[in-house]
Amino acid sequence: SPRTAPRRGGKLSYGWHWQAEGKVWRQVATPSEQRVRGAILSLRAEGRSYAEIADMLNACDYRTGLGGAWYAMSVQRIITRNVTPYAAAALAECDPAEIDSTNLVTELKKGHSGESEKVTQVH
């Protein structure tokens, strides 16, 4: 799977995947997941609890990288895991429009309050 690198690289956190370039594997940002990561960070900065953010993601049919439901602990892990220098460099290569989470935050708030239809899944 792109999330699990061959040999020593190991499994990457939500928002990242491995990409082969010849014989070299490098860490690459996954834009759709980076949007969700950005929304999680924004909602937490607003004072939302981990459980509330998980409920918002689930209410709008967003899934974790493995396709499961969100839980408070999975949201907490997204927030507390450090971004490595390699990840920061990979994120810098993304088109900012692809990872902008502003609209997603609005969608999650509306979906959680029942004001709108379900949001389509990002994966």
N, C-alpha and C. Protein backbone atom coordinates (compact mmCIF):
# COMPACT_ATOMS: atom_id res chain seq x y z
N SER A 1 0.84 -1.18 0.00
CA SER A 1 0.00 0.00 0.00
C SER A 1 0.88 1.24 0.00
N PRO A 2 0.43 2.33 -0.59
CA PRO A 2 1.25 3.55 -0.62
C PRO A 2 1.53 4.10 0.77
N ARG A 3 0.69 3.75 1.75
CA ARG A 3 0.89 4.25 3.10
C ARG A 3 2.04 3.52 3.80
N THR A 4 2.32 2.28 3.40
CA THR A 4 3.38 1.50 4.01
C THR A 4 4.56 1.41 3.05
N ALA A 5 5.68 1.94 3.46
CA ALA A 5 6.87 1.96 2.61
C ALA A 5 7.55 0.60 2.64
N PRO A 6 8.28 0.29 1.60
CA PRO A 6 9.04 -0.96 1.59
C PRO A 6 10.19 -0.90 2.59
N ARG A 7 10.50 -2.02 3.16
CA ARG A 7 11.63 -2.19 4.09
C ARG A 7 11.59 -1.25 5.28
N ARG A 8 12.51 -0.31 5.37
CA ARG A 8 12.73 0.46 6.59
C ARG A 8 11.80 1.65 6.81
N GLY A 9 11.17 2.17 5.78
CA GLY A 9 10.43 3.41 5.90
C GLY A 9 9.29 3.40 6.90
N GLY A 10 8.56 2.30 6.97
CA GLY A 10 7.47 2.20 7.91
C GLY A 10 6.19 2.86 7.44
N LYS A 11 5.19 2.78 8.29
CA LYS A 11 3.88 3.33 7.99
C LYS A 11 3.86 4.83 8.27
N LEU A 12 3.22 5.57 7.40
CA LEU A 12 3.13 7.01 7.57
C LEU A 12 1.81 7.40 8.22
N SER A 13 1.81 8.56 8.84
CA SER A 13 0.61 9.09 9.46
C SER A 13 -0.40 9.54 8.42
N TYR A 14 -1.62 9.75 8.87
CA TYR A 14 -2.69 10.27 8.03
C TYR A 14 -2.23 11.58 7.39
N GLY A 15 -2.44 11.69 6.10
CA GLY A 15 -2.04 12.90 5.38
C GLY A 15 -0.81 12.71 4.52
N TRP A 16 -0.20 11.52 4.60
CA TRP A 16 1.06 11.27 3.88
C TRP A 16 1.03 9.90 3.24
N HIS A 17 1.77 9.74 2.16
CA HIS A 17 1.97 8.42 1.55
C HIS A 17 3.37 8.36 0.94
N TRP A 18 3.80 7.14 0.64
CA TRP A 18 5.11 6.95 0.00
C TRP A 18 4.92 6.93 -1.50
N GLN A 19 5.88 7.49 -2.22
CA GLN A 19 5.84 7.48 -3.67
C GLN A 19 7.21 7.05 -4.18
N ALA A 20 7.21 6.09 -5.09
CA ALA A 20 8.47 5.61 -5.67
C ALA A 20 8.93 6.54 -6.77
N GLU A 21 10.20 6.86 -6.73
CA GLU A 21 10.85 7.61 -7.80
C GLU A 21 12.10 6.83 -8.17
N GLY A 22 11.92 5.94 -9.12
CA GLY A 22 13.00 5.02 -9.46
C GLY A 22 13.19 4.04 -8.31
N LYS A 23 14.40 3.98 -7.77
CA LYS A 23 14.68 3.09 -6.64
C LYS A 23 14.53 3.80 -5.30
N VAL A 24 14.19 5.07 -5.35
CA VAL A 24 14.08 5.86 -4.14
C VAL A 24 12.60 6.07 -3.80
N TRP A 25 12.28 5.93 -2.52
CA TRP A 25 10.94 6.20 -2.04
C TRP A 25 10.96 7.50 -1.26
N ARG A 26 9.97 8.37 -1.51
CA ARG A 26 9.92 9.61 -0.75
C ARG A 26 8.52 9.85 -0.20
N GLN A 27 8.50 10.58 0.90
CA GLN A 27 7.26 10.92 1.57
C GLN A 27 6.57 12.05 0.81
N VAL A 28 5.28 11.86 0.51
CA VAL A 28 4.52 12.82 -0.27
C VAL A 28 3.22 13.13 0.47
N ALA A 29 2.81 14.38 0.44
CA ALA A 29 1.54 14.77 1.07
C ALA A 29 0.37 14.28 0.22
N THR A 30 -0.69 13.85 0.87
CA THR A 30 -1.93 13.46 0.21
C THR A 30 -2.89 14.63 0.36
N PRO A 31 -3.14 15.41 -0.72
CA PRO A 31 -3.92 16.64 -0.60
C PRO A 31 -5.27 16.49 0.09
N SER A 32 -6.05 15.47 -0.26
CA SER A 32 -7.38 15.33 0.35
C SER A 32 -7.27 15.11 1.86
N GLU A 33 -6.28 14.37 2.29
CA GLU A 33 -6.09 14.13 3.72
C GLU A 33 -5.49 15.36 4.40
N GLN A 34 -4.69 16.12 3.69
CA GLN A 34 -4.14 17.35 4.27
C GLN A 34 -5.25 18.37 4.52
N ARG A 35 -6.27 18.38 3.66
CA ARG A 35 -7.42 19.25 3.90
C ARG A 35 -8.10 18.88 5.21
N VAL A 36 -8.27 17.59 5.43
CA VAL A 36 -8.92 17.13 6.67
C VAL A 36 -8.02 17.45 7.87
N ARG A 37 -6.71 17.22 7.74
CA ARG A 37 -5.79 17.58 8.83
C ARG A 37 -5.89 19.06 9.17
N GLY A 38 -5.93 19.90 8.14
CA GLY A 38 -6.04 21.34 8.36
C GLY A 38 -7.34 21.70 9.07
N ALA A 39 -8.43 21.04 8.67
CA ALA A 39 -9.72 21.29 9.32
C ALA A 39 -9.68 20.86 10.78
N ILE A 40 -9.07 19.72 11.06
CA ILE A 40 -8.94 19.24 12.44
C ILE A 40 -8.18 20.27 13.28
N LEU A 41 -7.06 20.74 12.76
CA LEU A 41 -6.26 21.73 13.50
C LEU A 41 -7.02 23.03 13.71
N SER A 42 -7.76 23.47 12.70
CA SER A 42 -8.55 24.71 12.83
C SER A 42 -9.65 24.57 13.86
N LEU A 43 -10.37 23.45 13.81
CA LEU A 43 -11.45 23.23 14.75
C LEU A 43 -10.94 23.12 16.19
N ARG A 44 -9.79 22.49 16.35
CA ARG A 44 -9.20 22.38 17.69
C ARG A 44 -8.78 23.75 18.19
N ALA A 45 -8.23 24.57 17.30
CA ALA A 45 -7.81 25.93 17.68
C ALA A 45 -9.01 26.78 18.11
N GLU A 46 -10.20 26.44 17.60
CA GLU A 46 -11.43 27.13 18.00
C GLU A 46 -11.93 26.66 19.37
N GLY A 47 -11.30 25.62 19.90
CA GLY A 47 -11.71 25.12 21.21
C GLY A 47 -12.58 23.88 21.18
N ARG A 48 -12.77 23.29 20.02
CA ARG A 48 -13.58 22.07 19.93
C ARG A 48 -12.84 20.91 20.58
N SER A 49 -13.58 20.00 21.19
CA SER A 49 -12.97 18.83 21.82
C SER A 49 -12.61 17.80 20.75
N TYR A 50 -11.74 16.86 21.12
CA TYR A 50 -11.37 15.79 20.19
C TYR A 50 -12.62 15.01 19.78
N ALA A 51 -13.47 14.70 20.76
CA ALA A 51 -14.68 13.93 20.49
C ALA A 51 -15.62 14.69 19.56
N GLU A 52 -15.76 15.98 19.77
CA GLU A 52 -16.64 16.78 18.93
C GLU A 52 -16.14 16.81 17.49
N ILE A 53 -14.83 16.96 17.32
CA ILE A 53 -14.25 16.96 15.97
C ILE A 53 -14.47 15.60 15.30
N ALA A 54 -14.27 14.52 16.05
CA ALA A 54 -14.51 13.17 15.50
C ALA A 54 -15.96 13.02 15.08
N ASP A 55 -16.88 13.49 15.91
CA ASP A 55 -18.31 13.43 15.58
C ASP A 55 -18.61 14.21 14.31
N MET A 56 -17.98 15.37 14.15
CA MET A 56 -18.20 16.20 12.96
C MET A 56 -17.72 15.47 11.71
N LEU A 57 -16.54 14.88 11.78
CA LEU A 57 -16.01 14.15 10.63
C LEU A 57 -16.90 12.97 10.27
N ASN A 58 -17.33 12.23 11.28
CA ASN A 58 -18.19 11.07 11.03
C ASN A 58 -19.55 11.48 10.49
N ALA A 59 -20.12 12.57 11.01
CA ALA A 59 -21.43 13.05 10.55
C ALA A 59 -21.40 13.43 9.08
N CYS A 60 -20.24 13.84 8.60
CA CYS A 60 -20.10 14.24 7.19
C CYS A 60 -19.47 13.14 6.34
N ASP A 61 -19.43 11.93 6.87
CA ASP A 61 -18.94 10.75 6.15
C ASP A 61 -17.47 10.79 5.75
N TYR A 62 -16.65 11.50 6.48
CA TYR A 62 -15.20 11.45 6.26
C TYR A 62 -14.66 10.26 7.02
N ARG A 63 -13.68 9.58 6.46
CA ARG A 63 -13.11 8.37 7.06
C ARG A 63 -11.63 8.54 7.29
N THR A 64 -11.09 7.73 8.18
CA THR A 64 -9.66 7.73 8.45
C THR A 64 -8.94 7.16 7.23
N GLY A 65 -7.63 7.17 7.27
CA GLY A 65 -6.83 6.65 6.17
C GLY A 65 -7.08 5.19 5.86
N LEU A 66 -7.53 4.44 6.86
CA LEU A 66 -7.83 3.02 6.66
C LEU A 66 -9.30 2.77 6.41
N GLY A 67 -10.08 3.85 6.29
CA GLY A 67 -11.49 3.72 5.96
C GLY A 67 -12.43 3.57 7.16
N GLY A 68 -11.90 3.71 8.35
CA GLY A 68 -12.72 3.56 9.55
C GLY A 68 -13.32 4.86 10.04
N ALA A 69 -14.09 4.75 11.09
CA ALA A 69 -14.70 5.92 11.72
C ALA A 69 -13.65 6.67 12.53
N TRP A 70 -13.91 7.95 12.75
CA TRP A 70 -13.04 8.77 13.58
C TRP A 70 -13.44 8.63 15.04
N TYR A 71 -12.44 8.64 15.92
CA TYR A 71 -12.65 8.62 17.36
C TYR A 71 -11.83 9.76 17.95
N ALA A 72 -12.14 10.11 19.19
CA ALA A 72 -11.41 11.20 19.85
C ALA A 72 -9.90 10.94 19.81
N MET A 73 -9.49 9.70 20.05
CA MET A 73 -8.06 9.38 20.07
C MET A 73 -7.42 9.54 18.70
N SER A 74 -8.14 9.18 17.63
CA SER A 74 -7.55 9.34 16.29
C SER A 74 -7.39 10.82 15.95
N VAL A 75 -8.33 11.65 16.39
CA VAL A 75 -8.20 13.10 16.18
C VAL A 75 -7.03 13.63 16.99
N GLN A 76 -6.91 13.18 18.23
CA GLN A 76 -5.81 13.63 19.09
C GLN A 76 -4.46 13.28 18.47
N ARG A 77 -4.35 12.10 17.89
CA ARG A 77 -3.08 11.69 17.27
C ARG A 77 -2.71 12.58 16.09
N ILE A 78 -3.71 12.99 15.30
CA ILE A 78 -3.44 13.90 14.18
C ILE A 78 -2.83 15.19 14.71
N ILE A 79 -3.36 15.68 15.81
CA ILE A 79 -2.92 16.95 16.37
C ILE A 79 -1.57 16.85 17.05
N THR A 80 -1.31 15.76 17.74
CA THR A 80 -0.09 15.68 18.56
C THR A 80 1.13 15.14 17.83
N ARG A 81 0.94 14.50 16.70
CA ARG A 81 2.11 13.97 15.98
C ARG A 81 2.87 15.11 15.32
N ASN A 82 4.17 15.10 15.51
CA ASN A 82 5.02 16.14 14.93
C ASN A 82 5.18 15.92 13.43
N VAL A 83 5.31 17.00 12.71
CA VAL A 83 5.60 16.94 11.28
C VAL A 83 7.11 16.93 11.13
N THR A 84 7.62 15.89 10.49
CA THR A 84 9.07 15.76 10.29
C THR A 84 9.55 16.77 9.25
N PRO A 85 10.84 17.04 9.22
CA PRO A 85 11.36 17.93 8.16
C PRO A 85 11.04 17.41 6.76
N TYR A 86 11.06 16.09 6.58
CA TYR A 86 10.73 15.52 5.27
C TYR A 86 9.27 15.80 4.93
N ALA A 87 8.39 15.67 5.92
CA ALA A 87 6.97 15.93 5.70
C ALA A 87 6.73 17.39 5.40
N ALA A 88 7.42 18.27 6.11
CA ALA A 88 7.26 19.71 5.87
C ALA A 88 7.68 20.06 4.44
N ALA A 89 8.75 19.45 3.97
CA ALA A 89 9.21 19.69 2.60
C ALA A 89 8.20 19.16 1.59
N ALA A 90 7.62 17.99 1.87
CA ALA A 90 6.61 17.42 0.98
C ALA A 90 5.37 18.29 0.93
N LEU A 91 4.98 18.82 2.08
CA LEU A 91 3.80 19.68 2.15
C LEU A 91 4.03 20.98 1.38
N ALA A 92 5.25 21.48 1.42
CA ALA A 92 5.59 22.72 0.71
C ALA A 92 5.46 22.56 -0.80
N GLU A 93 5.55 21.33 -1.29
CA GLU A 93 5.43 21.06 -2.73
C GLU A 93 3.99 21.02 -3.20
N CYS A 94 3.03 20.99 -2.27
CA CYS A 94 1.61 20.92 -2.64
C CYS A 94 1.11 22.27 -3.11
N ASP A 95 0.11 22.20 -3.98
CA ASP A 95 -0.59 23.40 -4.40
C ASP A 95 -1.45 23.85 -3.22
N PRO A 96 -1.26 25.07 -2.72
CA PRO A 96 -2.03 25.53 -1.55
C PRO A 96 -3.54 25.40 -1.72
N ALA A 97 -4.04 25.56 -2.94
CA ALA A 97 -5.48 25.44 -3.18
C ALA A 97 -5.98 24.02 -2.94
N GLU A 98 -5.11 23.02 -3.19
CA GLU A 98 -5.50 21.63 -3.00
C GLU A 98 -5.63 21.25 -1.53
N ILE A 99 -4.93 21.94 -0.66
CA ILE A 99 -4.94 21.56 0.75
C ILE A 99 -5.62 22.59 1.64
N ASP A 100 -6.21 23.62 1.04
CA ASP A 100 -6.92 24.64 1.81
C ASP A 100 -8.13 24.01 2.49
N SER A 101 -8.23 24.17 3.79
CA SER A 101 -9.31 23.52 4.54
C SER A 101 -10.42 24.48 4.95
N THR A 102 -10.39 25.71 4.49
CA THR A 102 -11.38 26.71 4.89
C THR A 102 -12.81 26.25 4.60
N ASN A 103 -13.06 25.82 3.36
CA ASN A 103 -14.40 25.37 3.00
C ASN A 103 -14.78 24.09 3.74
N LEU A 104 -13.82 23.22 3.97
CA LEU A 104 -14.11 21.98 4.67
C LEU A 104 -14.55 22.25 6.11
N VAL A 105 -13.91 23.20 6.78
CA VAL A 105 -14.31 23.55 8.14
C VAL A 105 -15.78 23.99 8.14
N THR A 106 -16.16 24.82 7.20
CA THR A 106 -17.54 25.28 7.09
C THR A 106 -18.48 24.11 6.85
N GLU A 107 -18.10 23.20 5.94
CA GLU A 107 -18.92 22.03 5.64
C GLU A 107 -19.10 21.16 6.88
N LEU A 108 -18.03 20.95 7.64
CA LEU A 108 -18.11 20.12 8.83
C LEU A 108 -19.03 20.74 9.87
N LYS A 109 -18.94 22.04 10.04
CA LYS A 109 -19.81 22.72 11.02
C LYS A 109 -21.28 22.61 10.62
N LYS A 110 -21.56 22.80 9.34
CA LYS A 110 -22.95 22.70 8.86
C LYS A 110 -23.46 21.27 8.97
N GLY A 111 -22.64 20.33 8.54
CA GLY A 111 -23.04 18.92 8.58
C GLY A 111 -23.27 18.42 9.99
N HIS A 112 -22.46 18.89 10.91
CA HIS A 112 -22.57 18.46 12.31
C HIS A 112 -23.83 19.02 12.95
N SER A 113 -24.22 20.21 12.54
CA SER A 113 -25.40 20.83 13.13
C SER A 113 -26.68 20.42 12.40
N GLY A 114 -26.53 19.62 11.33
CA GLY A 114 -27.68 19.15 10.58
C GLY A 114 -28.24 20.18 9.61
N GLU A 115 -27.48 21.23 9.31
CA GLU A 115 -27.96 22.29 8.44
C GLU A 115 -27.82 21.98 6.96
N SER A 116 -27.05 20.96 6.61
CA SER A 116 -26.84 20.69 5.19
C SER A 116 -26.85 19.20 4.92
N GLU A 117 -26.80 18.88 3.65
CA GLU A 117 -26.71 17.49 3.23
C GLU A 117 -25.35 16.93 3.58
N LYS A 118 -25.22 15.62 3.51
CA LYS A 118 -23.94 14.98 3.78
C LYS A 118 -22.90 15.44 2.78
N VAL A 119 -21.67 15.58 3.23
CA VAL A 119 -20.54 15.96 2.38
C VAL A 119 -20.00 14.71 1.73
N THR A 120 -19.61 14.80 0.48
CA THR A 120 -19.05 13.63 -0.19
C THR A 120 -17.72 13.26 0.43
N GLN A 121 -17.40 11.99 0.40
CA GLN A 121 -16.15 11.48 0.98
C GLN A 121 -14.96 11.97 0.18
N VAL A 122 -13.83 12.27 0.85
CA VAL A 122 -12.65 12.81 0.19
C VAL A 122 -11.78 11.76 -0.46
N HIS A 123 -11.95 10.52 -0.12
CA HIS A 123 -11.05 9.48 -0.65
C HIS A 123 -11.71 8.78 -1.80
